[in-house]
Amino acid sequence: MGTFSGAPAARGIELAPRELVASVEGDIEKAERAMKITEIRVHTRLPLEKEQPDTADRVLEVHPAGCPAHQSVKDAIRITIDAQYEFR
């Protein structure tokens, strides 16, 4: 999860190792003579305290601007990131 794993901690959401879980899926389409990744969807599970959803929403909002991987491919591949919050 790269830079995303540090974003919650920077905003006061403490996670134990392996508590942040993500699944990733994408679409690949034929483009001229080669295959091309056209979309990536990242689905995360984020354990939170009951008062933290607004903070977690902010993490999801600002993360792409600070993520080198996202910035590298954002103009070529559609990327979405969502989260399912699990309250502790």
PDB file of N, CA and C in Angstrom:
ATOM      1  N   MET A   1       0.819  -1.189   0.000  1.00  0.00           N
ATOM      2  CA  MET A   1       0.000   0.000   0.000  1.00  0.00           C
ATOM      3  C   MET A   1       0.861   1.249   0.000  1.00  0.00           C
ATOM      4  N   GLY A   2       2.130   1.112   0.090  1.00  0.00           N
ATOM      5  CA  GLY A   2       3.030   2.243  -0.083  1.00  0.00           C
ATOM      6  C   GLY A   2       2.688   3.456   0.764  1.00  0.00           C
ATOM      7  N   THR A   3       2.572   4.606   0.108  1.00  0.00           N
ATOM      8  CA  THR A   3       2.337   5.850   0.836  1.00  0.00           C
ATOM      9  C   THR A   3       0.984   5.864   1.531  1.00  0.00           C
ATOM     10  N   PHE A   4       0.023   5.093   1.055  1.00  0.00           N
ATOM     11  CA  PHE A   4      -1.296   5.093   1.696  1.00  0.00           C
ATOM     12  C   PHE A   4      -1.225   4.552   3.118  1.00  0.00           C
ATOM     13  N   SER A   5      -0.343   3.609   3.368  1.00  0.00           N
ATOM     14  CA  SER A   5      -0.271   3.026   4.711  1.00  0.00           C
ATOM     15  C   SER A   5       0.196   4.026   5.763  1.00  0.00           C
ATOM     16  N   GLY A   6       0.959   5.035   5.371  1.00  0.00           N
ATOM     17  CA  GLY A   6       1.411   6.042   6.330  1.00  0.00           C
ATOM     18  C   GLY A   6       0.437   7.189   6.520  1.00  0.00           C
ATOM     19  N   ALA A   7      -0.480   7.366   5.591  1.00  0.00           N
ATOM     20  CA  ALA A   7      -1.406   8.499   5.652  1.00  0.00           C
ATOM     21  C   ALA A   7      -2.333   8.451   6.864  1.00  0.00           C
ATOM     22  N   PRO A   8      -2.915   7.318   7.228  1.00  0.00           N
ATOM     23  CA  PRO A   8      -3.769   7.302   8.426  1.00  0.00           C
ATOM     24  C   PRO A   8      -2.988   7.677   9.692  1.00  0.00           C
ATOM     25  N   ALA A   9      -1.793   7.132   9.867  1.00  0.00           N
ATOM     26  CA  ALA A   9      -1.004   7.420  11.066  1.00  0.00           C
ATOM     27  C   ALA A   9      -0.671   8.909  11.162  1.00  0.00           C
ATOM     28  N   ALA A  10      -0.404   9.536  10.028  1.00  0.00           N
ATOM     29  CA  ALA A  10      -0.094  10.966  10.024  1.00  0.00           C
ATOM     30  C   ALA A  10      -1.281  11.806  10.489  1.00  0.00           C
ATOM     31  N   ARG A  11      -2.470  11.205  10.456  1.00  0.00           N
ATOM     32  CA  ARG A  11      -3.680  11.912  10.864  1.00  0.00           C
ATOM     33  C   ARG A  11      -4.294  11.329  12.137  1.00  0.00           C
ATOM     34  N   GLY A  12      -3.493  10.587  12.893  1.00  0.00           N
ATOM     35  CA  GLY A  12      -3.938  10.099  14.196  1.00  0.00           C
ATOM     36  C   GLY A  12      -4.706   8.796  14.183  1.00  0.00           C
ATOM     37  N   ILE A  13      -4.743   8.102  13.054  1.00  0.00           N
ATOM     38  CA  ILE A  13      -5.396   6.790  12.991  1.00  0.00           C
ATOM     39  C   ILE A  13      -4.307   5.734  13.103  1.00  0.00           C
ATOM     40  N   GLU A  14      -4.195   5.138  14.268  1.00  0.00           N
ATOM     41  CA  GLU A  14      -3.155   4.140  14.495  1.00  0.00           C
ATOM     42  C   GLU A  14      -3.626   2.770  14.022  1.00  0.00           C
ATOM     43  N   LEU A  15      -2.790   2.104  13.238  1.00  0.00           N
ATOM     44  CA  LEU A  15      -3.104   0.774  12.725  1.00  0.00           C
ATOM     45  C   LEU A  15      -1.999  -0.190  13.116  1.00  0.00           C
ATOM     46  N   ALA A  16      -2.398  -1.361  13.543  1.00  0.00           N
ATOM     47  CA  ALA A  16      -1.425  -2.414  13.818  1.00  0.00           C
ATOM     48  C   ALA A  16      -0.918  -2.961  12.485  1.00  0.00           C
ATOM     49  N   PRO A  17       0.258  -3.593  12.498  1.00  0.00           N
ATOM     50  CA  PRO A  17       0.747  -4.206  11.263  1.00  0.00           C
ATOM     51  C   PRO A  17      -0.317  -5.138  10.675  1.00  0.00           C
ATOM     52  N   ARG A  18      -0.493  -5.060   9.397  1.00  0.00           N
ATOM     53  CA  ARG A  18      -1.428  -5.894   8.636  1.00  0.00           C
ATOM     54  C   ARG A  18      -2.901  -5.579   8.880  1.00  0.00           C
ATOM     55  N   GLU A  19      -3.192  -4.480   9.577  1.00  0.00           N
ATOM     56  CA  GLU A  19      -4.590  -4.112   9.808  1.00  0.00           C
ATOM     57  C   GLU A  19      -5.216  -3.445   8.588  1.00  0.00           C
ATOM     58  N   LEU A  20      -4.428  -2.763   7.800  1.00  0.00           N
ATOM     59  CA  LEU A  20      -4.918  -2.138   6.577  1.00  0.00           C
ATOM     60  C   LEU A  20      -4.845  -3.178   5.470  1.00  0.00           C
ATOM     61  N   VAL A  21      -5.996  -3.516   4.907  1.00  0.00           N
ATOM     62  CA  VAL A  21      -6.075  -4.556   3.886  1.00  0.00           C
ATOM     63  C   VAL A  21      -6.662  -3.948   2.618  1.00  0.00           C
ATOM     64  N   ALA A  22      -6.105  -4.320   1.483  1.00  0.00           N
ATOM     65  CA  ALA A  22      -6.623  -3.816   0.214  1.00  0.00           C
ATOM     66  C   ALA A  22      -6.724  -4.939  -0.801  1.00  0.00           C
ATOM     67  N   SER A  23      -7.711  -4.827  -1.654  1.00  0.00           N
ATOM     68  CA  SER A  23      -7.788  -5.693  -2.823  1.00  0.00           C
ATOM     69  C   SER A  23      -7.783  -4.776  -4.037  1.00  0.00           C
ATOM     70  N   VAL A  24      -7.174  -5.246  -5.093  1.00  0.00           N
ATOM     71  CA  VAL A  24      -7.016  -4.419  -6.289  1.00  0.00           C
ATOM     72  C   VAL A  24      -7.506  -5.212  -7.482  1.00  0.00           C
ATOM     73  N   GLU A  25      -8.256  -4.542  -8.324  1.00  0.00           N
ATOM     74  CA  GLU A  25      -8.701  -5.161  -9.573  1.00  0.00           C
ATOM     75  C   GLU A  25      -8.559  -4.145 -10.679  1.00  0.00           C
ATOM     76  N   GLY A  26      -8.534  -4.609 -11.885  1.00  0.00           N
ATOM     77  CA  GLY A  26      -8.361  -3.673 -12.985  1.00  0.00           C
ATOM     78  C   GLY A  26      -8.892  -4.223 -14.286  1.00  0.00           C
ATOM     79  N   ASP A  27      -8.852  -3.374 -15.285  1.00  0.00           N
ATOM     80  CA  ASP A  27      -9.296  -3.744 -16.619  1.00  0.00           C
ATOM     81  C   ASP A  27      -8.130  -3.614 -17.585  1.00  0.00           C
ATOM     82  N   ILE A  28      -8.038  -4.585 -18.465  1.00  0.00           N
ATOM     83  CA  ILE A  28      -7.016  -4.579 -19.507  1.00  0.00           C
ATOM     84  C   ILE A  28      -7.743  -4.676 -20.839  1.00  0.00           C
ATOM     85  N   GLU A  29      -7.386  -3.797 -21.760  1.00  0.00           N
ATOM     86  CA  GLU A  29      -8.035  -3.780 -23.070  1.00  0.00           C
ATOM     87  C   GLU A  29      -6.983  -3.808 -24.159  1.00  0.00           C
ATOM     88  N   LYS A  30      -7.398  -4.272 -25.324  1.00  0.00           N
ATOM     89  CA  LYS A  30      -6.493  -4.267 -26.467  1.00  0.00           C
ATOM     90  C   LYS A  30      -6.389  -2.844 -26.998  1.00  0.00           C
ATOM     91  N   ALA A  31      -5.177  -2.391 -27.199  1.00  0.00           N
ATOM     92  CA  ALA A  31      -4.915  -1.056 -27.746  1.00  0.00           C
ATOM     93  C   ALA A  31      -3.901  -1.209 -28.869  1.00  0.00           C
ATOM     94  N   GLU A  32      -4.354  -1.043 -30.073  1.00  0.00           N
ATOM     95  CA  GLU A  32      -3.528  -1.237 -31.252  1.00  0.00           C
ATOM     96  C   GLU A  32      -2.932  -2.642 -31.248  1.00  0.00           C
ATOM     97  N   ARG A  33      -1.609  -2.783 -31.097  1.00  0.00           N
ATOM     98  CA  ARG A  33      -0.985  -4.107 -31.156  1.00  0.00           C
ATOM     99  C   ARG A  33      -0.648  -4.684 -29.792  1.00  0.00           C
ATOM    100  N   ALA A  34      -0.959  -3.975 -28.727  1.00  0.00           N
ATOM    101  CA  ALA A  34      -0.586  -4.444 -27.388  1.00  0.00           C
ATOM    102  C   ALA A  34      -1.787  -4.347 -26.457  1.00  0.00           C
ATOM    103  N   MET A  35      -1.658  -4.957 -25.314  1.00  0.00           N
ATOM    104  CA  MET A  35      -2.679  -4.832 -24.279  1.00  0.00           C
ATOM    105  C   MET A  35      -2.351  -3.602 -23.440  1.00  0.00           C
ATOM    106  N   LYS A  36      -3.386  -2.986 -22.861  1.00  0.00           N
ATOM    107  CA  LYS A  36      -3.192  -1.766 -22.087  1.00  0.00           C
ATOM    108  C   LYS A  36      -4.066  -1.818 -20.838  1.00  0.00           C
ATOM    109  N   ILE A  37      -3.481  -1.482 -19.688  1.00  0.00           N
ATOM    110  CA  ILE A  37      -4.263  -1.351 -18.459  1.00  0.00           C
ATOM    111  C   ILE A  37      -5.030  -0.044 -18.572  1.00  0.00           C
ATOM    112  N   THR A  38      -6.362  -0.106 -18.455  1.00  0.00           N
ATOM    113  CA  THR A  38      -7.171   1.107 -18.609  1.00  0.00           C
ATOM    114  C   THR A  38      -7.785   1.585 -17.301  1.00  0.00           C
ATOM    115  N   GLU A  39      -7.910   0.699 -16.332  1.00  0.00           N
ATOM    116  CA  GLU A  39      -8.508   1.111 -15.065  1.00  0.00           C
ATOM    117  C   GLU A  39      -7.990   0.238 -13.934  1.00  0.00           C
ATOM    118  N   ILE A  40      -7.772   0.880 -12.773  1.00  0.00           N
ATOM    119  CA  ILE A  40      -7.380   0.190 -11.548  1.00  0.00           C
ATOM    120  C   ILE A  40      -8.335   0.633 -10.456  1.00  0.00           C
ATOM    121  N   ARG A  41      -8.897  -0.345  -9.738  1.00  0.00           N
ATOM    122  CA  ARG A  41      -9.796  -0.058  -8.619  1.00  0.00           C
ATOM    123  C   ARG A  41      -9.185  -0.653  -7.355  1.00  0.00           C
ATOM    124  N   VAL A  42      -8.973   0.203  -6.361  1.00  0.00           N
ATOM    125  CA  VAL A  42      -8.396  -0.227  -5.089  1.00  0.00           C
ATOM    126  C   VAL A  42      -9.497  -0.161  -4.037  1.00  0.00           C
ATOM    127  N   HIS A  43      -9.747  -1.280  -3.387  1.00  0.00           N
ATOM    128  CA  HIS A  43     -10.759  -1.363  -2.334  1.00  0.00           C
ATOM    129  C   HIS A  43     -10.025  -1.660  -1.022  1.00  0.00           C
ATOM    130  N   THR A  44     -10.161  -0.777  -0.054  1.00  0.00           N
ATOM    131  CA  THR A  44      -9.472  -0.963   1.220  1.00  0.00           C
ATOM    132  C   THR A  44     -10.461  -1.257   2.330  1.00  0.00           C
ATOM    133  N   ARG A  45      -9.963  -1.938   3.347  1.00  0.00           N
ATOM    134  CA  ARG A  45     -10.702  -2.139   4.604  1.00  0.00           C
ATOM    135  C   ARG A  45      -9.892  -1.439   5.666  1.00  0.00           C
ATOM    136  N   LEU A  46     -10.517  -0.501   6.343  1.00  0.00           N
ATOM    137  CA  LEU A  46      -9.798   0.342   7.281  1.00  0.00           C
ATOM    138  C   LEU A  46     -10.481   0.295   8.643  1.00  0.00           C
ATOM    139  N   PRO A  47      -9.819  -0.280   9.658  1.00  0.00           N
ATOM    140  CA  PRO A  47     -10.400  -0.285  10.997  1.00  0.00           C
ATOM    141  C   PRO A  47     -10.285   1.091  11.639  1.00  0.00           C
ATOM    142  N   LEU A  48     -11.368   1.572  12.214  1.00  0.00           N
ATOM    143  CA  LEU A  48     -11.410   2.922  12.777  1.00  0.00           C
ATOM    144  C   LEU A  48     -12.121   2.932  14.118  1.00  0.00           C
ATOM    145  N   GLU A  49     -11.844   3.994  14.857  1.00  0.00           N
ATOM    146  CA  GLU A  49     -12.661   4.314  16.024  1.00  0.00           C
ATOM    147  C   GLU A  49     -13.900   5.046  15.496  1.00  0.00           C
ATOM    148  N   LYS A  50     -14.961   5.057  16.276  1.00  0.00           N
ATOM    149  CA  LYS A  50     -16.225   5.642  15.800  1.00  0.00           C
ATOM    150  C   LYS A  50     -16.128   7.117  15.437  1.00  0.00           C
ATOM    151  N   GLU A  51     -15.172   7.842  16.003  1.00  0.00           N
ATOM    152  CA  GLU A  51     -15.055   9.270  15.717  1.00  0.00           C
ATOM    153  C   GLU A  51     -14.117   9.565  14.541  1.00  0.00           C
ATOM    154  N   GLN A  52     -13.610   8.567  13.847  1.00  0.00           N
ATOM    155  CA  GLN A  52     -12.585   8.791  12.832  1.00  0.00           C
ATOM    156  C   GLN A  52     -13.026   8.771  11.366  1.00  0.00           C
ATOM    157  N   PRO A  53     -14.282   8.519  11.012  1.00  0.00           N
ATOM    158  CA  PRO A  53     -14.616   8.448   9.582  1.00  0.00           C
ATOM    159  C   PRO A  53     -14.306   9.714   8.792  1.00  0.00           C
ATOM    160  N   ASP A  54     -14.521  10.883   9.368  1.00  0.00           N
ATOM    161  CA  ASP A  54     -14.225  12.117   8.633  1.00  0.00           C
ATOM    162  C   ASP A  54     -12.737  12.225   8.322  1.00  0.00           C
ATOM    163  N   THR A  55     -11.915  11.826   9.275  1.00  0.00           N
ATOM    164  CA  THR A  55     -10.467  11.845   9.065  1.00  0.00           C
ATOM    165  C   THR A  55     -10.087  10.845   7.979  1.00  0.00           C
ATOM    166  N   ALA A  56     -10.678   9.663   8.017  1.00  0.00           N
ATOM    167  CA  ALA A  56     -10.388   8.652   7.000  1.00  0.00           C
ATOM    168  C   ALA A  56     -10.847   9.115   5.624  1.00  0.00           C
ATOM    169  N   ASP A  57     -11.988   9.784   5.553  1.00  0.00           N
ATOM    170  CA  ASP A  57     -12.442  10.336   4.271  1.00  0.00           C
ATOM    171  C   ASP A  57     -11.412  11.312   3.721  1.00  0.00           C
ATOM    172  N   ARG A  58     -10.840  12.117   4.601  1.00  0.00           N
ATOM    173  CA  ARG A  58      -9.819  13.090   4.186  1.00  0.00           C
ATOM    174  C   ARG A  58      -8.568  12.374   3.665  1.00  0.00           C
ATOM    175  N   VAL A  59      -8.181  11.283   4.308  1.00  0.00           N
ATOM    176  CA  VAL A  59      -7.037  10.484   3.834  1.00  0.00           C
ATOM    177  C   VAL A  59      -7.294  10.042   2.402  1.00  0.00           C
ATOM    178  N   LEU A  60      -8.484   9.517   2.142  1.00  0.00           N
ATOM    179  CA  LEU A  60      -8.808   9.048   0.791  1.00  0.00           C
ATOM    180  C   LEU A  60      -8.803  10.193  -0.218  1.00  0.00           C
ATOM    181  N   GLU A  61      -9.205  11.358   0.228  1.00  0.00           N
ATOM    182  CA  GLU A  61      -9.276  12.516  -0.658  1.00  0.00           C
ATOM    183  C   GLU A  61      -7.893  13.048  -1.042  1.00  0.00           C
ATOM    184  N   VAL A  62      -6.991  13.159  -0.075  1.00  0.00           N
ATOM    185  CA  VAL A  62      -5.700  13.795  -0.347  1.00  0.00           C
ATOM    186  C   VAL A  62      -4.593  12.825  -0.761  1.00  0.00           C
ATOM    187  N   HIS A  63      -4.775  11.554  -0.507  1.00  0.00           N
ATOM    188  CA  HIS A  63      -3.714  10.586  -0.789  1.00  0.00           C
ATOM    189  C   HIS A  63      -3.209  10.612  -2.230  1.00  0.00           C
ATOM    190  N   PRO A  64      -4.071  10.612  -3.246  1.00  0.00           N
ATOM    191  CA  PRO A  64      -3.552  10.547  -4.621  1.00  0.00           C
ATOM    192  C   PRO A  64      -2.542  11.637  -4.968  1.00  0.00           C
ATOM    193  N   ALA A  65      -2.726  12.836  -4.452  1.00  0.00           N
ATOM    194  CA  ALA A  65      -1.809  13.936  -4.787  1.00  0.00           C
ATOM    195  C   ALA A  65      -0.398  13.700  -4.250  1.00  0.00           C
ATOM    196  N   GLY A  66      -0.251  12.905  -3.188  1.00  0.00           N
ATOM    197  CA  GLY A  66       1.058  12.658  -2.613  1.00  0.00           C
ATOM    198  C   GLY A  66       1.631  11.287  -2.918  1.00  0.00           C
ATOM    199  N   CYS A  67       0.948  10.531  -3.759  1.00  0.00           N
ATOM    200  CA  CYS A  67       1.386   9.166  -4.062  1.00  0.00           C
ATOM    201  C   CYS A  67       2.162   9.134  -5.380  1.00  0.00           C
ATOM    202  N   PRO A  68       3.453   8.792  -5.331  1.00  0.00           N
ATOM    203  CA  PRO A  68       4.241   8.763  -6.566  1.00  0.00           C
ATOM    204  C   PRO A  68       3.678   7.822  -7.630  1.00  0.00           C
ATOM    205  N   ALA A  69       3.184   6.667  -7.227  1.00  0.00           N
ATOM    206  CA  ALA A  69       2.628   5.720  -8.210  1.00  0.00           C
ATOM    207  C   ALA A  69       1.391   6.315  -8.885  1.00  0.00           C
ATOM    208  N   HIS A  70       0.502   6.891  -8.086  1.00  0.00           N
ATOM    209  CA  HIS A  70      -0.715   7.495  -8.642  1.00  0.00           C
ATOM    210  C   HIS A  70      -0.354   8.638  -9.585  1.00  0.00           C
ATOM    211  N   GLN A  71       0.556   9.499  -9.167  1.00  0.00           N
ATOM    212  CA  GLN A  71       0.949  10.627  -9.999  1.00  0.00           C
ATOM    213  C   GLN A  71       1.605  10.171 -11.305  1.00  0.00           C
ATOM    214  N   SER A  72       2.285   9.038 -11.278  1.00  0.00           N
ATOM    215  CA  SER A  72       2.984   8.540 -12.464  1.00  0.00           C
ATOM    216  C   SER A  72       2.040   8.030 -13.542  1.00  0.00           C
ATOM    217  N   VAL A  73       0.891   7.486 -13.144  1.00  0.00           N
ATOM    218  CA  VAL A  73       0.012   6.847 -14.132  1.00  0.00           C
ATOM    219  C   VAL A  73      -1.358   7.496 -14.271  1.00  0.00           C
ATOM    220  N   LYS A  74      -1.659   8.512 -13.482  1.00  0.00           N
ATOM    221  CA  LYS A  74      -3.016   9.070 -13.438  1.00  0.00           C
ATOM    222  C   LYS A  74      -3.532   9.570 -14.782  1.00  0.00           C
ATOM    223  N   ASP A  75      -2.662  10.017 -15.664  1.00  0.00           N
ATOM    224  CA  ASP A  75      -3.124  10.516 -16.958  1.00  0.00           C
ATOM    225  C   ASP A  75      -3.329   9.395 -17.975  1.00  0.00           C
ATOM    226  N   ALA A  76      -2.878   8.193 -17.660  1.00  0.00           N
ATOM    227  CA  ALA A  76      -2.997   7.083 -18.596  1.00  0.00           C
ATOM    228  C   ALA A  76      -3.967   6.001 -18.129  1.00  0.00           C
ATOM    229  N   ILE A  77      -4.197   5.922 -16.826  1.00  0.00           N
ATOM    230  CA  ILE A  77      -5.028   4.864 -16.257  1.00  0.00           C
ATOM    231  C   ILE A  77      -6.017   5.483 -15.281  1.00  0.00           C
ATOM    232  N   ARG A  78      -7.311   5.138 -15.413  1.00  0.00           N
ATOM    233  CA  ARG A  78      -8.301   5.592 -14.430  1.00  0.00           C
ATOM    234  C   ARG A  78      -8.045   4.836 -13.127  1.00  0.00           C
ATOM    235  N   ILE A  79      -7.984   5.562 -12.026  1.00  0.00           N
ATOM    236  CA  ILE A  79      -7.729   4.946 -10.722  1.00  0.00           C
ATOM    237  C   ILE A  79      -8.794   5.408  -9.746  1.00  0.00           C
ATOM    238  N   THR A  80      -9.403   4.460  -9.056  1.00  0.00           N
ATOM    239  CA  THR A  80     -10.331   4.796  -7.978  1.00  0.00           C
ATOM    240  C   THR A  80      -9.881   4.074  -6.716  1.00  0.00           C
ATOM    241  N   ILE A  81     -10.076   4.742  -5.592  1.00  0.00           N
ATOM    242  CA  ILE A  81      -9.737   4.169  -4.289  1.00  0.00           C
ATOM    243  C   ILE A  81     -10.944   4.366  -3.396  1.00  0.00           C
ATOM    244  N   ASP A  82     -11.416   3.289  -2.779  1.00  0.00           N
ATOM    245  CA  ASP A  82     -12.512   3.425  -1.845  1.00  0.00           C
ATOM    246  C   ASP A  82     -12.169   2.652  -0.571  1.00  0.00           C
ATOM    247  N   ALA A  83     -12.946   2.891   0.452  1.00  0.00           N
ATOM    248  CA  ALA A  83     -12.682   2.219   1.724  1.00  0.00           C
ATOM    249  C   ALA A  83     -13.968   1.763   2.379  1.00  0.00           C
ATOM    250  N   GLN A  84     -13.881   0.613   2.982  1.00  0.00           N
ATOM    251  CA  GLN A  84     -14.947   0.105   3.841  1.00  0.00           C
ATOM    252  C   GLN A  84     -14.428   0.281   5.259  1.00  0.00           C
ATOM    253  N   TYR A  85     -15.148   1.024   6.072  1.00  0.00           N
ATOM    254  CA  TYR A  85     -14.713   1.265   7.426  1.00  0.00           C
ATOM    255  C   TYR A  85     -15.275   0.197   8.350  1.00  0.00           C
ATOM    256  N   GLU A  86     -14.408  -0.335   9.190  1.00  0.00           N
ATOM    257  CA  GLU A  86     -14.801  -1.325  10.193  1.00  0.00           C
ATOM    258  C   GLU A  86     -14.545  -0.711  11.557  1.00  0.00           C
ATOM    259  N   PHE A  87     -15.618  -0.474  12.294  1.00  0.00           N
ATOM    260  CA  PHE A  87     -15.481   0.206  13.582  1.00  0.00           C
ATOM    261  C   PHE A  87     -15.051  -0.762  14.674  1.00  0.00           C
ATOM    262  N   ARG A  88     -14.094  -0.333  15.460  1.00  0.00           N
ATOM    263  CA  ARG A  88     -13.530  -1.154  16.531  1.00  0.00           C
ATOM    264  C   ARG A  88     -14.423  -1.094  17.746  1.00  0.00           C
TER     265      ARG A  88
END
